[in-house]
Protein backbone atom coordinates (compact mmCIF):
# COMPACT_ATOMS: atom_id res chain seq x y z
CA UNK A 1 0.00 0.00 0.00
CA UNK A 2 1.40 3.39 -0.99
CA UNK A 3 2.09 6.24 1.37
CA UNK A 4 -0.56 8.39 -0.32
CA UNK A 5 -3.34 6.02 0.77
CA UNK A 6 -2.49 5.98 4.48
CA UNK A 7 -3.89 9.43 5.33
CA UNK A 8 -7.14 8.46 3.61
CA UNK A 9 -7.58 5.66 6.13
CA UNK A 10 -7.57 8.20 8.95
CA UNK A 11 -10.08 10.36 7.10
CA UNK A 12 -12.29 7.32 6.54
CA UNK A 13 -12.22 6.43 10.25
CA UNK A 14 -13.87 9.77 10.97
CA UNK A 15 -15.87 10.36 7.78
CA UNK A 16 -17.72 7.04 7.62
CA UNK A 17 -19.26 7.19 11.12
CA UNK A 18 -20.12 10.89 10.64
CA UNK A 19 -21.83 10.12 7.31
CA UNK A 20 -23.84 7.33 8.95
CA UNK A 21 -24.91 9.62 11.80
CA UNK A 22 -25.76 12.33 9.28
CA UNK A 23 -28.06 10.02 7.34
CA UNK A 24 -29.67 8.22 10.26
CA UNK A 25 -30.54 11.05 12.65
CA UNK A 26 -32.91 13.53 11.02
CA UNK A 27 -35.88 15.64 11.97
CA UNK A 28 -39.06 14.39 10.26
CA UNK A 29 -40.43 16.73 7.56
CA UNK A 30 -37.15 18.66 7.28
CA UNK A 31 -37.50 20.37 3.90
CA UNK A 32 -33.72 20.58 3.49
CA UNK A 33 -33.59 16.79 3.42
CA UNK A 34 -35.85 14.14 1.96
CA UNK A 35 -38.24 14.54 4.87
CA UNK A 36 -37.76 10.91 5.84
CA UNK A 37 -35.61 9.57 8.63
CA UNK A 38 -34.40 6.33 10.14
CA UNK A 39 -34.31 7.70 13.69
CA UNK A 40 -36.60 10.65 14.35
CA UNK A 41 -34.48 13.29 16.02
CA UNK A 42 -35.77 16.46 17.67
CA UNK A 43 -34.81 19.58 15.74
CA UNK A 44 -32.59 21.08 18.47
CA UNK A 45 -30.60 17.83 18.70
CA UNK A 46 -30.24 17.73 14.90
CA UNK A 47 -29.01 21.33 14.92
CA UNK A 48 -26.42 20.42 17.56
CA UNK A 49 -25.31 17.46 15.43
CA UNK A 50 -24.91 19.72 12.39
CA UNK A 51 -23.02 22.35 14.36
CA UNK A 52 -20.73 19.71 15.86
CA UNK A 53 -19.92 18.22 12.45
CA UNK A 54 -19.39 21.51 10.61
CA UNK A 55 -17.59 23.44 13.33
CA UNK A 56 -15.73 20.26 14.29
CA UNK A 57 -14.32 20.24 10.77
CA UNK A 58 -13.22 23.86 11.12
CA UNK A 59 -11.65 23.07 14.49
CA UNK A 60 -9.86 20.04 13.04
CA UNK A 61 -8.41 22.15 10.23
CA UNK A 62 -7.24 24.75 12.72
CA UNK A 63 -5.74 22.11 15.03
CA UNK A 64 -3.98 20.42 12.10
CA UNK A 65 -2.12 23.63 11.35
CA UNK A 66 -4.37 24.91 8.59
CA UNK A 67 -5.33 27.89 10.69
CA UNK A 68 -6.39 30.18 7.84
CA UNK A 69 -8.61 27.50 6.30
CA UNK A 70 -10.11 26.64 9.70
CA UNK A 71 -10.97 30.26 10.45
CA UNK A 72 -12.28 30.76 6.92
CA UNK A 73 -14.52 27.68 7.17
CA UNK A 74 -15.83 28.83 10.56
CA UNK A 75 -16.64 32.23 9.06
CA UNK A 76 -18.44 30.67 6.11
CA UNK A 77 -20.44 28.48 8.51
CA UNK A 78 -21.50 31.48 10.59
CA UNK A 79 -22.66 33.29 7.43
CA UNK A 80 -24.44 30.16 6.19
CA UNK A 81 -26.36 29.75 9.44
CA UNK A 82 -27.30 33.43 9.46
CA UNK A 83 -28.56 33.22 5.86
CA UNK A 84 -30.52 30.04 6.64
CA UNK A 85 -31.87 31.44 9.91
CA UNK A 86 -35.40 30.32 8.97
CA UNK A 87 -34.24 26.68 8.97
CA UNK A 88 -32.37 27.15 12.26
CA UNK A 89 -35.57 28.50 13.83
CA UNK A 90 -37.59 25.65 12.27
CA UNK A 91 -35.23 23.09 13.81
CA UNK A 92 -35.44 24.78 17.20
CA UNK A 93 -39.27 24.55 17.07
CA UNK A 94 -39.44 20.91 15.97
């Protein structure tokens, strides 16, 4: 196995469980998704999951030494959540 593949294994160790959690835990009738869910999750819990995944990625970038990219991603996420404030409020009510 080449050296280029090894870092991908570490990414997969994190990405696969996160992707499973992302697909399994959803708030029923969420218009930003299919509306269906495997495990019905209250909106506030789903919002916390999303914030943990997205801001966790920004934190991981920052901690890995990619400080500019980490700060930039965090800034983009703040703007995204402000622009989609209606969805944030919807999740908090459901």
